[in-house]
All heavy atoms as atom14 arrays in JSON, in Angstrom:
{
  "sequence": "STTRTPPTLAPPLFNFTLNSGPSTILIAPGRTLIYPQVTVTPL",
  "atom14_mask": [
    [1, 1, 1, 1, 1, 1, 0, 0, 0, 0, 0, 0, 0, 0],
    [1, 1, 1, 1, 1, 1, 1, 0, 0, 0, 0, 0, 0, 0],
    [1, 1, 1, 1, 1, 1, 1, 0, 0, 0, 0, 0, 0, 0],
    [1, 1, 1, 1, 1, 1, 1, 1, 1, 1, 1, 0, 0, 0],
    [1, 1, 1, 1, 1, 1, 1, 0, 0, 0, 0, 0, 0, 0],
    [1, 1, 1, 1, 1, 1, 1, 0, 0, 0, 0, 0, 0, 0],
    [1, 1, 1, 1, 1, 1, 1, 0, 0, 0, 0, 0, 0, 0],
    [1, 1, 1, 1, 1, 1, 1, 0, 0, 0, 0, 0, 0, 0],
    [1, 1, 1, 1, 1, 1, 1, 1, 0, 0, 0, 0, 0, 0],
    [1, 1, 1, 1, 1, 0, 0, 0, 0, 0, 0, 0, 0, 0],
    [1, 1, 1, 1, 1, 1, 1, 0, 0, 0, 0, 0, 0, 0],
    [1, 1, 1, 1, 1, 1, 1, 0, 0, 0, 0, 0, 0, 0],
    [1, 1, 1, 1, 1, 1, 1, 1, 0, 0, 0, 0, 0, 0],
    [1, 1, 1, 1, 1, 1, 1, 1, 1, 1, 1, 0, 0, 0],
    [1, 1, 1, 1, 1, 1, 1, 1, 0, 0, 0, 0, 0, 0],
    [1, 1, 1, 1, 1, 1, 1, 1, 1, 1, 1, 0, 0, 0],
    [1, 1, 1, 1, 1, 1, 1, 0, 0, 0, 0, 0, 0, 0],
    [1, 1, 1, 1, 1, 1, 1, 1, 0, 0, 0, 0, 0, 0],
    [1, 1, 1, 1, 1, 1, 1, 1, 0, 0, 0, 0, 0, 0],
    [1, 1, 1, 1, 1, 1, 0, 0, 0, 0, 0, 0, 0, 0],
    [1, 1, 1, 1, 0, 0, 0, 0, 0, 0, 0, 0, 0, 0],
    [1, 1, 1, 1, 1, 1, 1, 0, 0, 0, 0, 0, 0, 0],
    [1, 1, 1, 1, 1, 1, 0, 0, 0, 0, 0, 0, 0, 0],
    [1, 1, 1, 1, 1, 1, 1, 0, 0, 0, 0, 0, 0, 0],
    [1, 1, 1, 1, 1, 1, 1, 1, 0, 0, 0, 0, 0, 0],
    [1, 1, 1, 1, 1, 1, 1, 1, 0, 0, 0, 0, 0, 0],
    [1, 1, 1, 1, 1, 1, 1, 1, 0, 0, 0, 0, 0, 0],
    [1, 1, 1, 1, 1, 0, 0, 0, 0, 0, 0, 0, 0, 0],
    [1, 1, 1, 1, 1, 1, 1, 0, 0, 0, 0, 0, 0, 0],
    [1, 1, 1, 1, 0, 0, 0, 0, 0, 0, 0, 0, 0, 0],
    [1, 1, 1, 1, 1, 1, 1, 1, 1, 1, 1, 0, 0, 0],
    [1, 1, 1, 1, 1, 1, 1, 0, 0, 0, 0, 0, 0, 0],
    [1, 1, 1, 1, 1, 1, 1, 1, 0, 0, 0, 0, 0, 0],
    [1, 1, 1, 1, 1, 1, 1, 1, 0, 0, 0, 0, 0, 0],
    [1, 1, 1, 1, 1, 1, 1, 1, 1, 1, 1, 1, 0, 0],
    [1, 1, 1, 1, 1, 1, 1, 0, 0, 0, 0, 0, 0, 0],
    [1, 1, 1, 1, 1, 1, 1, 1, 1, 0, 0, 0, 0, 0],
    [1, 1, 1, 1, 1, 1, 1, 0, 0, 0, 0, 0, 0, 0],
    [1, 1, 1, 1, 1, 1, 1, 0, 0, 0, 0, 0, 0, 0],
    [1, 1, 1, 1, 1, 1, 1, 0, 0, 0, 0, 0, 0, 0],
    [1, 1, 1, 1, 1, 1, 1, 0, 0, 0, 0, 0, 0, 0],
    [1, 1, 1, 1, 1, 1, 1, 0, 0, 0, 0, 0, 0, 0],
    [1, 1, 1, 1, 1, 1, 1, 1, 0, 0, 0, 0, 0, 0]
  ],
  "atom14_positions": [
    [[-2.13, -18.43, 41.28], [-3.04, -18.78, 40.2], [-4.5, -18.51, 40.54], [-5.3, -18.25, 39.67], [-2.85, -20.27, 39.84], [-3.22, -21.07, 40.95], [0.0, 0.0, 0.0], [0.0, 0.0, 0.0], [0.0, 0.0, 0.0], [0.0, 0.0, 0.0], [0.0, 0.0, 0.0], [0.0, 0.0, 0.0], [0.0, 0.0, 0.0], [0.0, 0.0, 0.0]],
    [[-4.83, -18.53, 41.78], [-6.22, -18.32, 42.17], [-6.56, -16.85, 42.34], [-7.72, -16.47, 42.25], [-6.53, -19.07, 43.48], [-5.6, -18.66, 44.48], [-6.43, -20.57, 43.28], [0.0, 0.0, 0.0], [0.0, 0.0, 0.0], [0.0, 0.0, 0.0], [0.0, 0.0, 0.0], [0.0, 0.0, 0.0], [0.0, 0.0, 0.0], [0.0, 0.0, 0.0]],
    [[-5.56, -16.01, 42.56], [-5.84, -14.59, 42.79], [-5.7, -13.77, 41.51], [-6.13, -12.64, 41.48], [-4.89, -14.03, 43.86], [-3.54, -14.25, 43.44], [-5.13, -14.7, 45.2], [0.0, 0.0, 0.0], [0.0, 0.0, 0.0], [0.0, 0.0, 0.0], [0.0, 0.0, 0.0], [0.0, 0.0, 0.0], [0.0, 0.0, 0.0], [0.0, 0.0, 0.0]],
    [[-5.11, -14.35, 40.43], [-4.95, -13.61, 39.21], [-6.28, -13.53, 38.47], [-6.88, -14.55, 38.14], [-3.9, -14.27, 38.32], [-3.58, -13.5, 37.05], [-2.54, -14.22, 36.23], [-1.33, -14.4, 37.0], [-0.42, -15.33, 36.73], [-0.6, -16.16, 35.75], [0.67, -15.44, 37.48], [0.0, 0.0, 0.0], [0.0, 0.0, 0.0], [0.0, 0.0, 0.0]],
    [[-6.74, -12.34, 38.17], [-8.03, -12.15, 37.52], [-7.82, -11.77, 36.06], [-7.16, -10.77, 35.78], [-8.84, -11.05, 38.22], [-9.0, -11.4, 39.59], [-10.21, -10.89, 37.57], [0.0, 0.0, 0.0], [0.0, 0.0, 0.0], [0.0, 0.0, 0.0], [0.0, 0.0, 0.0], [0.0, 0.0, 0.0], [0.0, 0.0, 0.0], [0.0, 0.0, 0.0]],
    [[-8.35, -12.54, 35.1], [-8.18, -12.19, 33.69], [-8.93, -10.91, 33.37], [-9.92, -10.58, 34.02], [-8.78, -13.39, 32.96], [-9.75, -13.97, 33.93], [-9.15, -13.74, 35.29], [0.0, 0.0, 0.0], [0.0, 0.0, 0.0], [0.0, 0.0, 0.0], [0.0, 0.0, 0.0], [0.0, 0.0, 0.0], [0.0, 0.0, 0.0], [0.0, 0.0, 0.0]],
    [[-8.44, -10.16, 32.37], [-9.13, -8.9, 32.01], [-10.52, -9.19, 31.48], [-10.78, -10.21, 30.84], [-8.23, -8.32, 30.9], [-7.49, -9.49, 30.35], [-7.3, -10.43, 31.51], [0.0, 0.0, 0.0], [0.0, 0.0, 0.0], [0.0, 0.0, 0.0], [0.0, 0.0, 0.0], [0.0, 0.0, 0.0], [0.0, 0.0, 0.0], [0.0, 0.0, 0.0]],
    [[-11.43, -8.3, 31.78], [-12.8, -8.42, 31.3], [-12.86, -8.01, 29.83], [-12.5, -6.9, 29.48], [-13.74, -7.53, 32.13], [-13.66, -7.91, 33.5], [-15.18, -7.68, 31.63], [0.0, 0.0, 0.0], [0.0, 0.0, 0.0], [0.0, 0.0, 0.0], [0.0, 0.0, 0.0], [0.0, 0.0, 0.0], [0.0, 0.0, 0.0], [0.0, 0.0, 0.0]],
    [[-13.29, -8.95, 29.0], [-13.35, -8.68, 27.57], [-14.69, -8.04, 27.23], [-15.67, -8.7, 26.94], [-13.17, -9.97, 26.78], [-11.79, -10.63, 26.92], [-11.75, -11.92, 26.13], [-10.7, -9.7, 26.46], [0.0, 0.0, 0.0], [0.0, 0.0, 0.0], [0.0, 0.0, 0.0], [0.0, 0.0, 0.0], [0.0, 0.0, 0.0], [0.0, 0.0, 0.0]],
    [[-14.72, -6.73, 27.31], [-15.93, -5.98, 26.97], [-15.54, -4.85, 26.04], [-14.47, -4.26, 26.18], [-16.58, -5.43, 28.24], [0.0, 0.0, 0.0], [0.0, 0.0, 0.0], [0.0, 0.0, 0.0], [0.0, 0.0, 0.0], [0.0, 0.0, 0.0], [0.0, 0.0, 0.0], [0.0, 0.0, 0.0], [0.0, 0.0, 0.0], [0.0, 0.0, 0.0]],
    [[-16.36, -4.55, 25.05], [-16.02, -3.46, 24.15], [-15.82, -2.17, 24.92], [-16.46, -1.96, 25.93], [-17.25, -3.38, 23.23], [-17.9, -4.72, 23.35], [-17.64, -5.17, 24.75], [0.0, 0.0, 0.0], [0.0, 0.0, 0.0], [0.0, 0.0, 0.0], [0.0, 0.0, 0.0], [0.0, 0.0, 0.0], [0.0, 0.0, 0.0], [0.0, 0.0, 0.0]],
    [[-14.92, -1.27, 24.45], [-14.17, -1.43, 23.22], [-12.88, -2.22, 23.44], [-12.13, -1.94, 24.37], [-13.83, 0.0, 22.83], [-13.71, 0.71, 24.15], [-14.71, 0.05, 25.06], [0.0, 0.0, 0.0], [0.0, 0.0, 0.0], [0.0, 0.0, 0.0], [0.0, 0.0, 0.0], [0.0, 0.0, 0.0], [0.0, 0.0, 0.0], [0.0, 0.0, 0.0]],
    [[-12.64, -3.23, 22.61], [-11.37, -3.95, 22.66], [-10.27, -3.13, 22.01], [-9.1, -3.33, 22.28], [-11.51, -5.29, 21.96], [-12.58, -6.21, 22.56], [-12.64, -7.51, 21.82], [-12.3, -6.45, 24.03], [0.0, 0.0, 0.0], [0.0, 0.0, 0.0], [0.0, 0.0, 0.0], [0.0, 0.0, 0.0], [0.0, 0.0, 0.0], [0.0, 0.0, 0.0]],
    [[-10.65, -2.25, 21.12], [-9.7, -1.3, 20.55], [-10.46, -0.04, 20.16], [-11.65, -0.07, 19.91], [-8.99, -1.89, 19.33], [-9.9, -2.61, 18.37], [-10.75, -1.92, 17.52], [-9.92, -3.99, 18.33], [-11.58, -2.58, 16.63], [-10.75, -4.66, 17.46], [-11.58, -3.97, 16.61], [0.0, 0.0, 0.0], [0.0, 0.0, 0.0], [0.0, 0.0, 0.0]],
    [[-9.75, 1.06, 20.14], [-10.35, 2.3, 19.64], [-10.4, 2.24, 18.12], [-9.82, 1.34, 17.5], [-9.54, 3.5, 20.12], [-9.54, 3.61, 21.63], [-10.49, 3.21, 22.27], [-8.48, 4.16, 22.2], [0.0, 0.0, 0.0], [0.0, 0.0, 0.0], [0.0, 0.0, 0.0], [0.0, 0.0, 0.0], [0.0, 0.0, 0.0], [0.0, 0.0, 0.0]],
    [[-11.02, 3.2, 17.51], [-11.12, 3.18, 16.06], [-11.25, 4.61, 15.55], [-11.55, 5.54, 16.3], [-12.33, 2.35, 15.61], [-13.65, 2.82, 16.14], [-14.41, 3.75, 15.43], [-14.13, 2.37, 17.35], [-15.62, 4.2, 15.93], [-15.34, 2.8, 17.86], [-16.09, 3.73, 17.14], [0.0, 0.0, 0.0], [0.0, 0.0, 0.0], [0.0, 0.0, 0.0]],
    [[-10.99, 4.77, 14.26], [-11.19, 6.05, 13.6], [-12.16, 5.84, 12.44], [-12.36, 4.72, 11.97], [-9.87, 6.62, 13.05], [-9.33, 5.71, 12.07], [-8.86, 6.83, 14.15], [0.0, 0.0, 0.0], [0.0, 0.0, 0.0], [0.0, 0.0, 0.0], [0.0, 0.0, 0.0], [0.0, 0.0, 0.0], [0.0, 0.0, 0.0], [0.0, 0.0, 0.0]],
    [[-12.78, 6.92, 11.99], [-13.7, 6.89, 10.86], [-13.15, 7.79, 9.76], [-12.57, 8.84, 10.04], [-15.09, 7.36, 11.27], [-15.82, 6.52, 12.33], [-17.14, 7.19, 12.72], [-16.08, 5.11, 11.81], [0.0, 0.0, 0.0], [0.0, 0.0, 0.0], [0.0, 0.0, 0.0], [0.0, 0.0, 0.0], [0.0, 0.0, 0.0], [0.0, 0.0, 0.0]],
    [[-13.36, 7.35, 8.52], [-12.91, 8.13, 7.38], [-13.91, 7.94, 6.24], [-14.74, 7.04, 6.29], [-11.51, 7.69, 6.94], [-10.82, 8.74, 6.1], [-11.37, 9.79, 5.83], [-9.59, 8.45, 5.69], [0.0, 0.0, 0.0], [0.0, 0.0, 0.0], [0.0, 0.0, 0.0], [0.0, 0.0, 0.0], [0.0, 0.0, 0.0], [0.0, 0.0, 0.0]],
    [[-13.82, 8.78, 5.23], [-14.73, 8.67, 4.09], [-13.96, 8.89, 2.8], [-12.86, 9.42, 2.78], [-15.88, 9.67, 4.21], [-15.39, 11.0, 4.11], [0.0, 0.0, 0.0], [0.0, 0.0, 0.0], [0.0, 0.0, 0.0], [0.0, 0.0, 0.0], [0.0, 0.0, 0.0], [0.0, 0.0, 0.0], [0.0, 0.0, 0.0], [0.0, 0.0, 0.0]],
    [[-14.56, 8.49, 1.72], [-13.98, 8.69, 0.4], [-15.08, 8.65, -0.64], [-16.13, 8.07, -0.41], [0.0, 0.0, 0.0], [0.0, 0.0, 0.0], [0.0, 0.0, 0.0], [0.0, 0.0, 0.0], [0.0, 0.0, 0.0], [0.0, 0.0, 0.0], [0.0, 0.0, 0.0], [0.0, 0.0, 0.0], [0.0, 0.0, 0.0], [0.0, 0.0, 0.0]],
    [[-14.87, 9.28, -1.77], [-13.69, 10.06, -2.16], [-13.65, 11.4, -1.44], [-14.55, 11.73, -0.69], [-13.88, 10.24, -3.68], [-15.37, 10.24, -3.85], [-15.89, 9.26, -2.85], [0.0, 0.0, 0.0], [0.0, 0.0, 0.0], [0.0, 0.0, 0.0], [0.0, 0.0, 0.0], [0.0, 0.0, 0.0], [0.0, 0.0, 0.0], [0.0, 0.0, 0.0]],
    [[-12.61, 12.15, -1.73], [-12.47, 13.43, -1.03], [-13.57, 14.41, -1.43], [-13.98, 15.24, -0.63], [-11.09, 14.03, -1.34], [-10.89, 14.13, -2.74], [0.0, 0.0, 0.0], [0.0, 0.0, 0.0], [0.0, 0.0, 0.0], [0.0, 0.0, 0.0], [0.0, 0.0, 0.0], [0.0, 0.0, 0.0], [0.0, 0.0, 0.0], [0.0, 0.0, 0.0]],
    [[-14.05, 14.34, -2.68], [-15.17, 15.16, -3.14], [-16.33, 14.25, -3.48], [-16.21, 13.35, -4.32], [-14.78, 16.0, -4.37], [-13.68, 16.83, -4.04], [-15.95, 16.86, -4.82], [0.0, 0.0, 0.0], [0.0, 0.0, 0.0], [0.0, 0.0, 0.0], [0.0, 0.0, 0.0], [0.0, 0.0, 0.0], [0.0, 0.0, 0.0], [0.0, 0.0, 0.0]],
    [[-17.46, 14.45, -2.83], [-18.66, 13.63, -3.04], [-19.72, 14.52, -3.66], [-20.21, 15.46, -3.02], [-19.15, 13.01, -1.72], [-18.05, 12.11, -1.14], [-20.42, 12.22, -1.93], [-18.38, 11.56, 0.23], [0.0, 0.0, 0.0], [0.0, 0.0, 0.0], [0.0, 0.0, 0.0], [0.0, 0.0, 0.0], [0.0, 0.0, 0.0], [0.0, 0.0, 0.0]],
    [[-20.08, 14.24, -4.91], [-21.05, 15.05, -5.64], [-22.35, 14.27, -5.84], [-22.33, 13.05, -5.99], [-20.51, 15.45, -7.02], [-19.25, 16.31, -7.07], [-18.92, 16.65, -8.52], [-19.4, 17.58, -6.25], [0.0, 0.0, 0.0], [0.0, 0.0, 0.0], [0.0, 0.0, 0.0], [0.0, 0.0, 0.0], [0.0, 0.0, 0.0], [0.0, 0.0, 0.0]],
    [[-23.44, 14.99, -5.88], [-24.74, 14.44, -6.23], [-25.62, 15.57, -6.74], [-25.39, 16.75, -6.41], [-25.4, 13.72, -5.03], [-26.54, 12.84, -5.51], [-25.85, 14.73, -3.97], [-27.09, 11.92, -4.45], [0.0, 0.0, 0.0], [0.0, 0.0, 0.0], [0.0, 0.0, 0.0], [0.0, 0.0, 0.0], [0.0, 0.0, 0.0], [0.0, 0.0, 0.0]],
    [[-26.59, 15.23, -7.58], [-27.54, 16.21, -8.11], [-28.91, 15.96, -7.51], [-29.21, 14.83, -7.08], [-27.59, 16.11, -9.64], [0.0, 0.0, 0.0], [0.0, 0.0, 0.0], [0.0, 0.0, 0.0], [0.0, 0.0, 0.0], [0.0, 0.0, 0.0], [0.0, 0.0, 0.0], [0.0, 0.0, 0.0], [0.0, 0.0, 0.0], [0.0, 0.0, 0.0]],
    [[-29.75, 16.96, -7.44], [-31.1, 16.77, -6.91], [-31.85, 15.68, -7.68], [-31.77, 15.57, -8.9], [-31.76, 18.14, -7.11], [-30.62, 19.1, -7.15], [-29.5, 18.38, -7.82], [0.0, 0.0, 0.0], [0.0, 0.0, 0.0], [0.0, 0.0, 0.0], [0.0, 0.0, 0.0], [0.0, 0.0, 0.0], [0.0, 0.0, 0.0], [0.0, 0.0, 0.0]],
    [[-32.56, 14.83, -6.92], [-33.34, 13.77, -7.53], [-32.52, 12.55, -7.92], [-33.06, 11.62, -8.54], [0.0, 0.0, 0.0], [0.0, 0.0, 0.0], [0.0, 0.0, 0.0], [0.0, 0.0, 0.0], [0.0, 0.0, 0.0], [0.0, 0.0, 0.0], [0.0, 0.0, 0.0], [0.0, 0.0, 0.0], [0.0, 0.0, 0.0], [0.0, 0.0, 0.0]],
    [[-31.24, 12.52, -7.58], [-30.38, 11.38, -7.95], [-30.1, 10.49, -6.75], [-30.08, 10.95, -5.59], [-29.04, 11.88, -8.52], [-29.12, 12.66, -9.8], [-29.41, 11.76, -11.0], [-28.4, 10.74, -11.19], [-27.29, 10.91, -11.92], [-27.03, 12.08, -12.49], [-26.44, 9.92, -12.08], [0.0, 0.0, 0.0], [0.0, 0.0, 0.0], [0.0, 0.0, 0.0]],
    [[-29.88, 9.21, -7.03], [-29.42, 8.24, -6.03], [-28.16, 7.59, -6.57], [-28.16, 7.04, -7.68], [-30.48, 7.17, -5.75], [-31.62, 7.77, -5.12], [-29.93, 6.11, -4.79], [0.0, 0.0, 0.0], [0.0, 0.0, 0.0], [0.0, 0.0, 0.0], [0.0, 0.0, 0.0], [0.0, 0.0, 0.0], [0.0, 0.0, 0.0], [0.0, 0.0, 0.0]],
    [[-27.09, 7.67, -5.8], [-25.8, 7.12, -6.22], [-25.22, 6.22, -5.14], [-25.45, 6.44, -3.94], [-24.81, 8.25, -6.51], [-25.18, 9.23, -7.64], [-24.15, 10.35, -7.72], [-25.28, 8.49, -8.97], [0.0, 0.0, 0.0], [0.0, 0.0, 0.0], [0.0, 0.0, 0.0], [0.0, 0.0, 0.0], [0.0, 0.0, 0.0], [0.0, 0.0, 0.0]],
    [[-24.48, 5.21, -5.6], [-23.77, 4.32, -4.67], [-22.29, 4.36, -5.05], [-21.87, 3.69, -5.99], [-24.3, 2.88, -4.73], [-25.78, 2.83, -4.36], [-23.51, 1.98, -3.78], [-26.41, 1.47, -4.54], [0.0, 0.0, 0.0], [0.0, 0.0, 0.0], [0.0, 0.0, 0.0], [0.0, 0.0, 0.0], [0.0, 0.0, 0.0], [0.0, 0.0, 0.0]],
    [[-21.54, 5.19, -4.4], [-20.09, 5.21, -4.63], [-19.3, 5.75, -3.44], [-18.14, 5.37, -3.26], [-19.75, 6.01, -5.9], [-19.83, 7.51, -5.75], [-18.69, 8.26, -5.45], [-21.03, 8.18, -5.92], [-18.76, 9.64, -5.32], [-21.1, 9.56, -5.81], [-19.96, 10.28, -5.51], [-20.04, 11.64, -5.39], [0.0, 0.0, 0.0], [0.0, 0.0, 0.0]],
    [[-19.89, 6.6, -2.57], [-19.1, 7.0, -1.39], [-18.95, 5.83, -0.42], [-19.74, 4.88, -0.44], [-19.94, 8.13, -0.76], [-20.97, 8.48, -1.78], [-21.2, 7.25, -2.6], [0.0, 0.0, 0.0], [0.0, 0.0, 0.0], [0.0, 0.0, 0.0], [0.0, 0.0, 0.0], [0.0, 0.0, 0.0], [0.0, 0.0, 0.0], [0.0, 0.0, 0.0]],
    [[-17.95, 5.9, 0.43], [-17.7, 4.87, 1.42], [-17.32, 5.49, 2.75], [-16.72, 6.57, 2.79], [-16.58, 3.91, 0.98], [-16.96, 3.02, -0.18], [-15.93, 1.94, -0.42], [-14.94, 1.84, 0.29], [-16.15, 1.11, -1.43], [0.0, 0.0, 0.0], [0.0, 0.0, 0.0], [0.0, 0.0, 0.0], [0.0, 0.0, 0.0], [0.0, 0.0, 0.0]],
    [[-17.66, 4.78, 3.82], [-17.19, 5.11, 5.16], [-16.33, 3.95, 5.65], [-16.73, 2.79, 5.51], [-18.35, 5.36, 6.14], [-17.85, 5.44, 7.57], [-19.08, 6.64, 5.78], [0.0, 0.0, 0.0], [0.0, 0.0, 0.0], [0.0, 0.0, 0.0], [0.0, 0.0, 0.0], [0.0, 0.0, 0.0], [0.0, 0.0, 0.0], [0.0, 0.0, 0.0]],
    [[-15.17, 4.26, 6.17], [-14.22, 3.23, 6.6], [-13.99, 3.31, 8.1], [-13.76, 4.4, 8.64], [-12.88, 3.39, 5.86], [-13.11, 3.31, 4.45], [-11.9, 2.29, 6.27], [0.0, 0.0, 0.0], [0.0, 0.0, 0.0], [0.0, 0.0, 0.0], [0.0, 0.0, 0.0], [0.0, 0.0, 0.0], [0.0, 0.0, 0.0], [0.0, 0.0, 0.0]],
    [[-14.06, 2.16, 8.76], [-13.75, 2.04, 10.19], [-12.37, 1.42, 10.31], [-12.14, 0.3, 9.82], [-14.78, 1.18, 10.93], [-14.49, 1.16, 12.43], [-16.19, 1.67, 10.65], [0.0, 0.0, 0.0], [0.0, 0.0, 0.0], [0.0, 0.0, 0.0], [0.0, 0.0, 0.0], [0.0, 0.0, 0.0], [0.0, 0.0, 0.0], [0.0, 0.0, 0.0]],
    [[-11.45, 2.13, 10.93], [-10.07, 1.65, 11.06], [-9.74, 1.45, 12.54], [-9.79, 2.39, 13.32], [-9.08, 2.65, 10.45], [-9.44, 2.89, 9.09], [-7.66, 2.11, 10.52], [0.0, 0.0, 0.0], [0.0, 0.0, 0.0], [0.0, 0.0, 0.0], [0.0, 0.0, 0.0], [0.0, 0.0, 0.0], [0.0, 0.0, 0.0], [0.0, 0.0, 0.0]],
    [[-9.42, 0.2, 12.95], [-9.08, -0.04, 14.36], [-7.72, 0.53, 14.71], [-6.82, 0.61, 13.87], [-9.1, -1.57, 14.46], [-8.78, -2.03, 13.08], [-9.39, -1.02, 12.15], [0.0, 0.0, 0.0], [0.0, 0.0, 0.0], [0.0, 0.0, 0.0], [0.0, 0.0, 0.0], [0.0, 0.0, 0.0], [0.0, 0.0, 0.0], [0.0, 0.0, 0.0]],
    [[-7.57, 0.92, 15.95], [-6.3, 1.41, 16.47], [-5.77, 0.4, 17.49], [-6.55, -0.32, 18.11], [-6.47, 2.78, 17.14], [-6.99, 3.89, 16.23], [-7.21, 5.17, 17.04], [-6.02, 4.16, 15.1], [0.0, 0.0, 0.0], [0.0, 0.0, 0.0], [0.0, 0.0, 0.0], [0.0, 0.0, 0.0], [0.0, 0.0, 0.0], [0.0, 0.0, 0.0]]
  ]
}
């Protein structure tokens, strides 16, 4: 019990992937839109 060392909890605790949507993101000059998203998915 005295020699067992617990794992060090330091990031990264898990890997992750990044994704975006929608598949086609359109915008016109001079426009501001809020509809695309970026998603972080843990592995």
